[in-house]
Amino acid sequence: MNRLKRLRIRRGLSQVKLAALADVNPATVNQVEGGVRQASPATLRKLADALDVSVSALLDGDLEEESHEREGRAAYRERKLREIREKYRPYAEALHYYCDDYGGLVRDGTAEPPNAAQFVRTLLTVGRGMGRVYRDELEDIADALGLARYAGERIVAGEPREEVEAGIDAQLFEHSEMHAAIQRYFELGESLADTVGDVEGAKAVRDTSRRLFGAAA
């Protein structure tokens, strides 16, 4: 199947790397490209997904058709990202408004223990729910961008896992409405507690932040 070979070469993939991305045997790629055997529907789907084209484009499309299809996929991703931004923006705005109410106390040095205690109590209850919303948002973004496939390609290409993960984080946070808001929310909680000397409150905020968000918080 010369079409498969042309697409593979255009992607800069060896038969072995394409096989790894598609989760098939390298001999299968070699045999299908050489016309020795026909790929099963399941194998065609795996190869098409690995090459980011449709099965029909893999079978009988030309390069111009593939270009149009990729443009269509880009438009689809942008539409999904726009929907995700609209879905999660109200949560992010609510966090920013809430932080605005308390942020002035830290800036002006007028925070009192009851202020910090109230904020920390709310954070430790509402914060868990916001954490789930945040994780949901990142998962939606990852799906829209196809980051699982991106990670597989980079790892197969020999890129260190730490660099791959850093690249994924950068893409997630670039499109996240919640990321900056959730960071501000937890940082303000810790600052309020520190300002009034509430050591236990500050520790509770830090522990919750690490537990919910890890390095992302």
Protein backbone atom coordinates (compact mmCIF):
# COMPACT_ATOMS: atom_id res chain seq x y z
CA MET A 1 0.00 0.00 0.00
CA ASN A 2 2.05 2.93 -1.31
CA ARG A 3 -0.30 5.42 0.32
CA LEU A 4 0.63 4.12 3.76
CA LYS A 5 4.32 4.37 2.94
CA ARG A 6 4.02 7.94 1.63
CA LEU A 7 2.15 9.09 4.72
CA ARG A 8 4.61 7.36 7.02
CA ILE A 9 7.59 8.98 5.32
CA ARG A 10 5.91 12.41 5.37
CA ARG A 11 5.51 12.04 9.13
CA GLY A 12 9.20 11.18 9.46
CA LEU A 13 8.43 7.76 10.90
CA SER A 14 10.21 4.49 10.37
CA GLN A 15 8.17 1.31 10.04
CA VAL A 16 9.18 0.38 13.57
CA LYS A 17 8.08 3.73 15.02
CA LEU A 18 4.77 3.68 13.16
CA ALA A 19 4.17 0.15 14.39
CA ALA A 20 4.82 1.25 17.96
CA LEU A 21 2.42 4.20 17.66
CA ALA A 22 -0.27 2.00 16.12
CA ASP A 23 0.38 -0.90 18.51
CA VAL A 24 0.89 -3.39 15.68
CA ASN A 25 3.76 -5.68 14.70
CA PRO A 26 6.46 -3.98 12.55
CA ALA A 27 6.20 -6.91 10.15
CA THR A 28 2.56 -5.98 9.58
CA VAL A 29 3.51 -2.47 8.46
CA ASN A 30 6.18 -3.88 6.16
CA GLN A 31 3.82 -6.43 4.62
CA VAL A 32 0.94 -3.97 4.15
CA GLU A 33 3.22 -1.40 2.53
CA GLY A 34 4.68 -4.06 0.25
CA GLY A 35 1.29 -5.39 -0.78
CA VAL A 36 2.07 -8.80 0.69
CA ARG A 37 -1.07 -8.74 2.81
CA GLN A 38 -4.19 -6.67 3.28
CA ALA A 39 -4.70 -4.93 6.60
CA SER A 40 -7.75 -5.89 8.63
CA PRO A 41 -10.27 -3.12 9.44
CA ALA A 42 -8.97 -2.99 13.02
CA THR A 43 -5.36 -2.63 11.81
CA LEU A 44 -6.36 0.05 9.30
CA ARG A 45 -8.01 2.03 12.08
CA LYS A 46 -4.90 1.79 14.26
CA LEU A 47 -2.63 2.88 11.42
CA ALA A 48 -4.94 5.75 10.45
CA ASP A 49 -5.13 6.98 14.05
CA ALA A 50 -1.34 6.81 14.38
CA LEU A 51 -0.96 8.89 11.21
CA ASP A 52 -3.78 11.30 12.20
CA VAL A 53 -5.85 10.63 9.06
CA SER A 54 -9.15 8.88 8.37
CA VAL A 55 -9.28 5.30 7.15
CA SER A 56 -10.70 6.50 3.82
CA ALA A 57 -7.83 8.95 3.38
CA LEU A 58 -5.39 6.15 4.16
CA LEU A 59 -7.00 3.87 1.56
CA ASP A 60 -7.71 6.12 -1.38
CA GLY A 61 -7.15 9.80 -0.56
CA ASP A 62 -4.57 12.01 -2.20
CA LEU A 63 -2.25 14.53 -0.56
CA GLU A 64 -4.60 17.45 -1.25
CA GLU A 65 -7.46 15.56 0.37
CA GLU A 66 -5.28 14.83 3.37
CA SER A 67 -4.43 18.53 3.67
CA HIS A 68 -8.13 19.45 3.70
CA GLU A 69 -8.83 16.77 6.27
CA ARG A 70 -6.09 18.00 8.57
CA GLU A 71 -7.50 21.53 8.29
CA GLY A 72 -10.86 20.07 9.26
CA ARG A 73 -9.35 18.39 12.29
CA ALA A 74 -7.66 21.64 13.31
CA ALA A 75 -11.01 23.45 13.07
CA TYR A 76 -12.62 20.72 15.15
CA ARG A 77 -9.94 21.03 17.85
CA GLU A 78 -10.36 24.82 17.95
CA ARG A 79 -14.12 24.46 18.28
CA LYS A 80 -13.72 21.97 21.13
CA LEU A 81 -11.23 24.25 22.89
CA ARG A 82 -13.62 27.18 22.53
CA GLU A 83 -16.41 25.10 24.06
CA ILE A 84 -14.13 24.08 26.92
CA ARG A 85 -13.17 27.72 27.61
CA GLU A 86 -16.83 28.75 27.68
CA LYS A 87 -17.72 25.83 29.96
CA TYR A 88 -15.07 26.48 32.61
CA ARG A 89 -14.74 30.29 32.47
CA PRO A 90 -17.55 30.88 35.01
CA TYR A 91 -15.71 28.72 37.57
CA ALA A 92 -12.47 30.64 37.00
CA GLU A 93 -14.22 34.00 37.21
CA ALA A 94 -15.93 33.00 40.45
CA LEU A 95 -12.57 32.16 42.01
CA HIS A 96 -11.06 35.46 40.87
CA TYR A 97 -14.01 37.45 42.27
CA TYR A 98 -13.72 35.62 45.57
CA CYS A 99 -9.99 36.27 45.73
CA ASP A 100 -10.55 39.95 44.93
CA ASP A 101 -12.67 40.27 48.08
CA TYR A 102 -9.87 38.97 50.29
CA GLY A 103 -6.75 39.99 48.36
CA GLY A 104 -6.95 43.59 49.54
CA LEU A 105 -6.63 42.46 53.16
CA VAL A 106 -3.21 40.98 52.41
CA ARG A 107 -2.07 43.97 50.34
CA ASP A 108 -3.23 46.48 52.97
CA GLY A 109 -1.98 44.48 55.90
CA THR A 110 -5.45 44.55 57.48
CA ALA A 111 -6.12 40.81 57.55
CA GLU A 112 -7.39 39.51 60.89
CA PRO A 113 -7.49 35.91 62.16
CA PRO A 114 -11.24 35.57 61.51
CA ASN A 115 -10.72 36.60 57.88
CA ALA A 116 -8.05 33.99 57.36
CA ALA A 117 -10.00 31.33 59.23
CA GLN A 118 -13.09 31.92 57.10
CA PHE A 119 -11.13 31.81 53.85
CA VAL A 120 -9.25 28.66 54.83
CA ARG A 121 -12.44 26.90 55.97
CA THR A 122 -14.11 27.71 52.67
CA LEU A 123 -11.04 26.68 50.71
CA LEU A 124 -10.81 23.31 52.43
CA THR A 125 -14.43 22.51 51.57
CA VAL A 126 -15.16 24.31 48.29
CA GLY A 127 -11.56 23.82 47.16
CA ARG A 128 -12.03 20.08 46.85
CA GLY A 129 -14.93 20.57 44.47
CA MET A 130 -12.98 23.14 42.49
CA GLY A 131 -10.12 20.67 42.33
CA ARG A 132 -12.36 18.13 40.64
CA VAL A 133 -13.58 20.78 38.19
CA TYR A 134 -9.96 21.70 37.43
CA ARG A 135 -8.98 18.09 36.76
CA ASP A 136 -12.04 17.66 34.53
CA GLU A 137 -11.04 20.74 32.56
CA LEU A 138 -7.49 19.47 32.01
CA GLU A 139 -8.81 16.09 30.88
CA ASP A 140 -11.16 17.79 28.40
CA ILE A 141 -8.28 19.86 27.03
CA ALA A 142 -6.05 16.80 26.72
CA ASP A 143 -8.75 14.99 24.75
CA ALA A 144 -9.33 17.97 22.44
CA LEU A 145 -5.61 18.32 21.70
CA GLY A 146 -4.93 14.60 21.37
CA LEU A 147 -2.18 14.80 23.98
CA ALA A 148 -2.11 11.05 24.59
CA ARG A 149 -1.06 10.52 20.98
CA TYR A 150 1.36 13.47 21.20
CA ALA A 151 3.04 11.89 24.22
CA GLY A 152 3.30 8.52 22.47
CA GLU A 153 4.94 10.08 19.42
CA ARG A 154 7.49 12.00 21.46
CA ILE A 155 8.40 9.03 23.64
CA VAL A 156 8.72 6.72 20.63
CA ALA A 157 10.93 9.35 19.02
CA GLY A 158 13.26 9.10 22.04
CA GLU A 159 12.42 12.34 23.82
CA PRO A 160 12.97 12.13 27.60
CA ARG A 161 9.73 11.50 29.49
CA GLU A 162 10.30 14.54 31.72
CA GLU A 163 10.47 16.83 28.68
CA VAL A 164 7.37 15.21 27.20
CA GLU A 165 5.45 15.77 30.43
CA ALA A 166 6.64 19.39 30.60
CA GLY A 167 5.45 19.95 27.05
CA ILE A 168 2.05 18.46 27.87
CA ASP A 169 1.72 20.66 30.96
CA ALA A 170 2.57 23.76 28.92
CA GLN A 171 -0.17 22.96 26.40
CA LEU A 172 -2.71 22.18 29.11
CA PHE A 173 -2.05 25.37 31.05
CA GLU A 174 -2.02 27.50 27.88
CA HIS A 175 -5.64 26.58 27.22
CA SER A 176 -6.86 26.33 30.81
CA GLU A 177 -9.24 28.93 32.22
CA MET A 178 -8.90 27.41 35.68
CA HIS A 179 -5.13 27.15 36.05
CA ALA A 180 -4.28 30.73 37.00
CA ALA A 181 -7.43 31.10 39.10
CA ILE A 182 -6.84 27.92 41.09
CA GLN A 183 -3.21 28.87 41.73
CA ARG A 184 -4.26 32.32 42.94
CA TYR A 185 -6.95 30.80 45.15
CA PHE A 186 -4.56 28.51 47.02
CA GLU A 187 -1.73 31.04 47.17
CA LEU A 188 -4.08 33.61 48.70
CA GLY A 189 -5.29 31.10 51.27
CA GLU A 190 -1.73 30.39 52.34
CA SER A 191 -0.84 34.11 52.37
CA LEU A 192 -3.82 34.99 54.55
CA ALA A 193 -2.97 32.25 57.03
CA ASP A 194 0.70 33.27 57.09
CA THR A 195 -0.19 36.95 57.55
CA VAL A 196 -2.12 36.30 60.76
CA GLY A 197 0.29 33.60 61.99
CA ASP A 198 -2.10 30.69 61.45
CA VAL A 199 0.56 28.00 61.00
CA GLU A 200 -1.91 25.10 60.98
CA GLY A 201 -4.17 26.84 58.47
CA ALA A 202 -1.27 27.53 56.10
CA LYS A 203 -0.12 23.92 56.36
CA ALA A 204 -3.66 22.65 55.66
CA VAL A 205 -3.83 24.78 52.51
CA ARG A 206 -0.44 23.56 51.29
CA ASP A 207 -1.29 19.92 51.99
CA THR A 208 -4.62 20.21 50.18
CA SER A 209 -2.97 21.92 47.25
CA ARG A 210 -0.38 19.16 46.86
CA ARG A 211 -2.95 16.41 47.30
CA LEU A 212 -5.37 17.82 44.74
CA PHE A 213 -3.07 19.24 42.11
CA GLY A 214 0.48 18.06 42.72
CA ALA A 215 3.03 20.15 40.85
CA ALA A 216 0.28 21.85 38.83
CA ALA A 217 -1.06 23.81 41.80
